[in-house]
Amino acid sequence: MLSRPGRTVRTAFADVEFMALSSRKRGASPVGLGDPRRFAQDIERLLAVADLGLADLAFMCDFAEGSRHLEDYICDVLNALRESAGDHTDLLLTTQEACFGHIPGVAGLLKILASLVMLNTRMVAPTANLVRPYRRLPASPVILAPRPLRGTSDPIAMAVGSSGGGDTSSILLRLC
């Protein structure tokens, strides 16, 4: 882990608070992505620990672009999260994974680094290679051009990842 949750780390461009972390190892499926409701529950608990809701997030870094199976999974996760939390706030989504590929063990770190760059520049980068968003997606993917961050002076990002076997991780980040 980069730092314990709740700790602030000084970097070359800003101080970063790793607000909270959720990680689930080995879901019910040995091959697939696991139960989307479990992942939604983990995200909901993570937000609750930090006393946040979806409206408090400047953006979420991760969703599938191009694989219908993965797109359906993140749609199911977000739908379950919204239903359980009773929160239908618009959520900006982005991912740059198409730029670096899905590199097991490293993709999550690259999502964190991309999120920190976006927080630092106060711009949400467009999703790499995405031209037409999946209509079923219950959120707003950033496409074609960067979007300014919304929210407070200390915006919060959530970087998430899921992988085979049902492993899921989410982390809340804020520049201080």
C-alpha atoms as a PDB file:
ATOM      1  CA  MET A   1       0.000   0.000   0.000  1.00  0.00           C
ATOM      2  CA  LEU A   2       1.208   3.501  -0.758  1.00  0.00           C
ATOM      3  CA  SER A   3       0.241   4.815   2.655  1.00  0.00           C
ATOM      4  CA  ARG A   4      -2.145   3.975   5.442  1.00  0.00           C
ATOM      5  CA  PRO A   5      -5.602   5.484   4.956  1.00  0.00           C
ATOM      6  CA  GLY A   6      -5.968   8.846   6.621  1.00  0.00           C
ATOM      7  CA  ARG A   7      -2.293   9.716   6.147  1.00  0.00           C
ATOM      8  CA  THR A   8      -0.933  12.552   4.072  1.00  0.00           C
ATOM      9  CA  VAL A   9       2.064  11.969   1.821  1.00  0.00           C
ATOM     10  CA  ARG A  10       4.217  14.794   0.471  1.00  0.00           C
ATOM     11  CA  THR A  11       4.963  14.502  -3.265  1.00  0.00           C
ATOM     12  CA  ALA A  12       6.874  16.701  -5.682  1.00  0.00           C
ATOM     13  CA  PHE A  13       3.727  18.536  -6.777  1.00  0.00           C
ATOM     14  CA  ALA A  14       1.336  18.353  -3.815  1.00  0.00           C
ATOM     15  CA  ASP A  15       0.483  16.712  -0.535  1.00  0.00           C
ATOM     16  CA  VAL A  16      -1.833  13.748  -1.071  1.00  0.00           C
ATOM     17  CA  GLU A  17      -4.275  12.405   1.483  1.00  0.00           C
ATOM     18  CA  PHE A  18      -5.113   8.739   1.031  1.00  0.00           C
ATOM     19  CA  MET A  19      -8.496   9.068   2.676  1.00  0.00           C
ATOM     20  CA  ALA A  20      -9.727   5.476   2.698  1.00  0.00           C
ATOM     21  CA  LEU A  21      -9.110   2.151   0.991  1.00  0.00           C
ATOM     22  CA  SER A  22     -11.290  -0.871   0.329  1.00  0.00           C
ATOM     23  CA  SER A  23      -9.957  -4.121  -1.053  1.00  0.00           C
ATOM     24  CA  ARG A  24     -11.642  -7.499  -1.435  1.00  0.00           C
ATOM     25  CA  LYS A  25      -9.629 -10.533  -2.422  1.00  0.00           C
ATOM     26  CA  ARG A  26     -10.986 -13.588  -4.168  1.00  0.00           C
ATOM     27  CA  GLY A  27     -14.664 -13.169  -4.819  1.00  0.00           C
ATOM     28  CA  ALA A  28     -17.113 -15.974  -5.446  1.00  0.00           C
ATOM     29  CA  SER A  29     -16.045 -16.546  -9.043  1.00  0.00           C
ATOM     30  CA  PRO A  30     -12.678 -18.175  -9.796  1.00  0.00           C
ATOM     31  CA  VAL A  31     -12.644 -16.700 -13.309  1.00  0.00           C
ATOM     32  CA  GLY A  32     -15.195 -13.899 -13.648  1.00  0.00           C
ATOM     33  CA  LEU A  33     -15.413 -10.489 -12.084  1.00  0.00           C
ATOM     34  CA  GLY A  34     -17.428 -11.490  -9.047  1.00  0.00           C
ATOM     35  CA  ASP A  35     -20.701 -10.171  -7.691  1.00  0.00           C
ATOM     36  CA  PRO A  36     -21.287  -6.514  -8.666  1.00  0.00           C
ATOM     37  CA  ARG A  37     -23.447  -6.014  -5.555  1.00  0.00           C
ATOM     38  CA  ARG A  38     -20.494  -6.891  -3.313  1.00  0.00           C
ATOM     39  CA  PHE A  39     -18.318  -4.385  -5.116  1.00  0.00           C
ATOM     40  CA  ALA A  40     -21.070  -1.750  -4.760  1.00  0.00           C
ATOM     41  CA  GLN A  41     -21.339  -2.512  -1.026  1.00  0.00           C
ATOM     42  CA  ASP A  42     -17.583  -2.109  -0.651  1.00  0.00           C
ATOM     43  CA  ILE A  43     -17.699   1.277  -2.390  1.00  0.00           C
ATOM     44  CA  GLU A  44     -20.670   2.356  -0.274  1.00  0.00           C
ATOM     45  CA  ARG A  45     -18.829   1.397   2.945  1.00  0.00           C
ATOM     46  CA  LEU A  46     -15.708   3.189   1.735  1.00  0.00           C
ATOM     47  CA  LEU A  47     -17.688   6.380   1.151  1.00  0.00           C
ATOM     48  CA  ALA A  48     -19.402   6.006   4.544  1.00  0.00           C
ATOM     49  CA  VAL A  49     -16.054   5.641   6.357  1.00  0.00           C
ATOM     50  CA  ALA A  50     -14.933   8.914   4.791  1.00  0.00           C
ATOM     51  CA  ASP A  51     -18.365  10.482   5.491  1.00  0.00           C
ATOM     52  CA  LEU A  52     -18.891  11.096   1.766  1.00  0.00           C
ATOM     53  CA  GLY A  53     -21.509  10.467  -0.880  1.00  0.00           C
ATOM     54  CA  LEU A  54     -21.288  10.236  -4.660  1.00  0.00           C
ATOM     55  CA  ALA A  55     -21.975  13.978  -4.874  1.00  0.00           C
ATOM     56  CA  ASP A  56     -18.701  14.616  -3.015  1.00  0.00           C
ATOM     57  CA  LEU A  57     -16.588  12.936  -5.695  1.00  0.00           C
ATOM     58  CA  ALA A  58     -15.018  15.084  -8.395  1.00  0.00           C
ATOM     59  CA  PHE A  59     -14.707  11.951 -10.552  1.00  0.00           C
ATOM     60  CA  MET A  60     -14.224   8.192 -10.539  1.00  0.00           C
ATOM     61  CA  CYS A  61     -11.266   6.780 -12.424  1.00  0.00           C
ATOM     62  CA  ASP A  62     -12.169   3.403 -13.929  1.00  0.00           C
ATOM     63  CA  PHE A  63     -14.684   1.905 -16.186  1.00  0.00           C
ATOM     64  CA  ALA A  64     -14.529  -0.388 -19.152  1.00  0.00           C
ATOM     65  CA  GLU A  65     -14.346   0.990 -22.634  1.00  0.00           C
ATOM     66  CA  GLY A  66     -14.770  -1.547 -25.365  1.00  0.00           C
ATOM     67  CA  SER A  67     -15.551  -4.830 -23.637  1.00  0.00           C
ATOM     68  CA  ARG A  68     -19.299  -5.400 -23.296  1.00  0.00           C
ATOM     69  CA  HIS A  69     -18.764  -7.873 -20.444  1.00  0.00           C
ATOM     70  CA  LEU A  70     -16.780  -5.313 -18.436  1.00  0.00           C
ATOM     71  CA  GLU A  71     -19.121  -2.473 -19.366  1.00  0.00           C
ATOM     72  CA  ASP A  72     -22.104  -4.492 -18.148  1.00  0.00           C
ATOM     73  CA  TYR A  73     -20.258  -5.244 -14.912  1.00  0.00           C
ATOM     74  CA  ILE A  74     -19.510  -1.594 -14.078  1.00  0.00           C
ATOM     75  CA  CYS A  75     -23.101  -0.668 -15.008  1.00  0.00           C
ATOM     76  CA  ASP A  76     -24.339  -3.318 -12.571  1.00  0.00           C
ATOM     77  CA  VAL A  77     -21.960  -2.043  -9.866  1.00  0.00           C
ATOM     78  CA  LEU A  78     -23.060   1.574 -10.286  1.00  0.00           C
ATOM     79  CA  ASN A  79     -26.747   0.649 -10.456  1.00  0.00           C
ATOM     80  CA  ALA A  80     -26.449  -1.402  -7.252  1.00  0.00           C
ATOM     81  CA  LEU A  81     -24.513   1.415  -5.555  1.00  0.00           C
ATOM     82  CA  ARG A  82     -27.065   4.041  -6.560  1.00  0.00           C
ATOM     83  CA  GLU A  83     -29.997   1.856  -5.501  1.00  0.00           C
ATOM     84  CA  SER A  84     -28.481   0.937  -2.143  1.00  0.00           C
ATOM     85  CA  ALA A  85     -27.316   4.474  -1.337  1.00  0.00           C
ATOM     86  CA  GLY A  86     -30.406   6.118  -2.802  1.00  0.00           C
ATOM     87  CA  ASP A  87     -28.034   8.479  -4.600  1.00  0.00           C
ATOM     88  CA  HIS A  88     -28.526   9.291  -8.274  1.00  0.00           C
ATOM     89  CA  THR A  89     -26.062  12.183  -8.411  1.00  0.00           C
ATOM     90  CA  ASP A  90     -24.329  12.620 -11.745  1.00  0.00           C
ATOM     91  CA  LEU A  91     -20.903  10.991 -11.571  1.00  0.00           C
ATOM     92  CA  LEU A  92     -18.025  11.800 -13.917  1.00  0.00           C
ATOM     93  CA  LEU A  93     -16.147   8.719 -15.080  1.00  0.00           C
ATOM     94  CA  THR A  94     -12.820   8.446 -16.825  1.00  0.00           C
ATOM     95  CA  THR A  95     -10.062   5.961 -17.468  1.00  0.00           C
ATOM     96  CA  GLN A  96      -6.802   6.088 -19.321  1.00  0.00           C
ATOM     97  CA  GLU A  97      -6.292   2.325 -19.227  1.00  0.00           C
ATOM     98  CA  ALA A  98      -6.451   2.115 -23.028  1.00  0.00           C
ATOM     99  CA  CYS A  99      -3.197   4.125 -23.074  1.00  0.00           C
ATOM    100  CA  PHE A 100      -1.245   1.632 -20.972  1.00  0.00           C
ATOM    101  CA  GLY A 101      -3.291  -1.560 -21.227  1.00  0.00           C
ATOM    102  CA  HIS A 102      -4.425  -3.820 -18.460  1.00  0.00           C
ATOM    103  CA  ILE A 103      -1.136  -4.669 -16.805  1.00  0.00           C
ATOM    104  CA  PRO A 104      -1.913  -6.985 -13.879  1.00  0.00           C
ATOM    105  CA  GLY A 105      -0.692  -5.516 -10.618  1.00  0.00           C
ATOM    106  CA  VAL A 106       0.301  -2.198 -12.169  1.00  0.00           C
ATOM    107  CA  ALA A 107      -2.957  -0.933 -13.702  1.00  0.00           C
ATOM    108  CA  GLY A 108      -4.305   0.129 -10.293  1.00  0.00           C
ATOM    109  CA  LEU A 109      -1.196   2.154  -9.505  1.00  0.00           C
ATOM    110  CA  LEU A 110      -1.371   3.832 -12.895  1.00  0.00           C
ATOM    111  CA  LYS A 111      -5.038   4.736 -12.230  1.00  0.00           C
ATOM    112  CA  ILE A 112      -3.984   6.305  -8.921  1.00  0.00           C
ATOM    113  CA  LEU A 113      -1.218   8.278 -10.630  1.00  0.00           C
ATOM    114  CA  ALA A 114      -3.586   9.408 -13.404  1.00  0.00           C
ATOM    115  CA  SER A 115      -6.103  10.490 -10.741  1.00  0.00           C
ATOM    116  CA  LEU A 116      -3.431  12.499  -8.912  1.00  0.00           C
ATOM    117  CA  VAL A 117      -2.430  14.259 -12.139  1.00  0.00           C
ATOM    118  CA  MET A 118      -6.084  15.097 -12.825  1.00  0.00           C
ATOM    119  CA  LEU A 119      -6.553  16.418  -9.286  1.00  0.00           C
ATOM    120  CA  ASN A 120      -3.385  18.476  -9.596  1.00  0.00           C
ATOM    121  CA  THR A 121      -4.366  19.998 -12.956  1.00  0.00           C
ATOM    122  CA  ARG A 122      -8.011  20.327 -11.844  1.00  0.00           C
ATOM    123  CA  MET A 123      -9.104  18.742 -15.122  1.00  0.00           C
ATOM    124  CA  VAL A 124     -10.697  15.332 -15.706  1.00  0.00           C
ATOM    125  CA  ALA A 125      -9.038  13.739 -18.712  1.00  0.00           C
ATOM    126  CA  PRO A 126     -11.241  12.210 -21.367  1.00  0.00           C
ATOM    127  CA  THR A 127     -11.485   8.467 -21.450  1.00  0.00           C
ATOM    128  CA  ALA A 128      -8.854   7.203 -23.833  1.00  0.00           C
ATOM    129  CA  ASN A 129     -10.241   5.937 -27.144  1.00  0.00           C
ATOM    130  CA  LEU A 130     -13.890   6.421 -26.149  1.00  0.00           C
ATOM    131  CA  VAL A 131     -16.057   8.053 -28.786  1.00  0.00           C
ATOM    132  CA  ARG A 132     -19.566   6.781 -28.062  1.00  0.00           C
ATOM    133  CA  PRO A 133     -20.479   5.955 -24.430  1.00  0.00           C
ATOM    134  CA  TYR A 134     -22.450   2.852 -23.598  1.00  0.00           C
ATOM    135  CA  ARG A 135     -26.078   3.992 -23.249  1.00  0.00           C
ATOM    136  CA  ARG A 136     -26.666   1.717 -20.275  1.00  0.00           C
ATOM    137  CA  LEU A 137     -23.928   3.413 -18.206  1.00  0.00           C
ATOM    138  CA  PRO A 138     -25.565   5.233 -15.246  1.00  0.00           C
ATOM    139  CA  ALA A 139     -22.966   7.989 -15.141  1.00  0.00           C
ATOM    140  CA  SER A 140     -21.261  10.585 -17.350  1.00  0.00           C
ATOM    141  CA  PRO A 141     -18.072   9.405 -19.001  1.00  0.00           C
ATOM    142  CA  VAL A 142     -15.720  12.204 -19.977  1.00  0.00           C
ATOM    143  CA  ILE A 143     -15.203  12.000 -23.733  1.00  0.00           C
ATOM    144  CA  LEU A 144     -13.338  13.903 -26.438  1.00  0.00           C
ATOM    145  CA  ALA A 145     -12.079  16.810 -24.269  1.00  0.00           C
ATOM    146  CA  PRO A 146     -11.034  17.360 -20.645  1.00  0.00           C
ATOM    147  CA  ARG A 147     -13.597  18.718 -18.185  1.00  0.00           C
ATOM    148  CA  PRO A 148     -12.849  21.055 -15.275  1.00  0.00           C
ATOM    149  CA  LEU A 149     -13.169  19.536 -11.816  1.00  0.00           C
ATOM    150  CA  ARG A 150     -16.338  20.335  -9.991  1.00  0.00           C
ATOM    151  CA  GLY A 151     -16.794  20.650  -6.291  1.00  0.00           C
ATOM    152  CA  THR A 152     -14.821  22.081  -3.443  1.00  0.00           C
ATOM    153  CA  SER A 153     -11.355  23.526  -3.278  1.00  0.00           C
ATOM    154  CA  ASP A 154     -10.098  20.121  -2.126  1.00  0.00           C
ATOM    155  CA  PRO A 155     -11.623  17.780  -4.728  1.00  0.00           C
ATOM    156  CA  ILE A 156     -11.781  14.062  -4.047  1.00  0.00           C
ATOM    157  CA  ALA A 157     -11.220  11.309  -6.599  1.00  0.00           C
ATOM    158  CA  MET A 158     -12.001   7.616  -6.361  1.00  0.00           C
ATOM    159  CA  ALA A 159      -9.806   5.185  -8.263  1.00  0.00           C
ATOM    160  CA  VAL A 160     -11.293   1.712  -8.576  1.00  0.00           C
ATOM    161  CA  GLY A 161     -10.298  -1.567 -10.112  1.00  0.00           C
ATOM    162  CA  SER A 162     -11.690  -5.035 -10.525  1.00  0.00           C
ATOM    163  CA  SER A 163     -10.073  -8.141 -11.876  1.00  0.00           C
ATOM    164  CA  GLY A 164     -10.556 -11.812 -12.461  1.00  0.00           C
ATOM    165  CA  GLY A 165     -11.472 -13.882  -9.468  1.00  0.00           C
ATOM    166  CA  GLY A 166     -13.613 -11.115  -8.026  1.00  0.00           C
ATOM    167  CA  ASP A 167     -10.761  -9.005  -6.616  1.00  0.00           C
ATOM    168  CA  THR A 168     -11.814  -5.375  -6.204  1.00  0.00           C
ATOM    169  CA  SER A 169     -10.089  -2.297  -4.848  1.00  0.00           C
ATOM    170  CA  SER A 170     -11.137   1.313  -4.351  1.00  0.00           C
ATOM    171  CA  ILE A 171      -9.222   4.244  -2.941  1.00  0.00           C
ATOM    172  CA  LEU A 172     -10.235   7.817  -2.130  1.00  0.00           C
ATOM    173  CA  LEU A 173      -7.637  10.498  -2.861  1.00  0.00           C
ATOM    174  CA  ARG A 174      -7.514  14.211  -2.094  1.00  0.00           C
ATOM    175  CA  LEU A 175      -4.811  16.804  -2.645  1.00  0.00           C
ATOM    176  CA  CYS A 176      -4.129  18.914   0.430  1.00  0.00           C
END
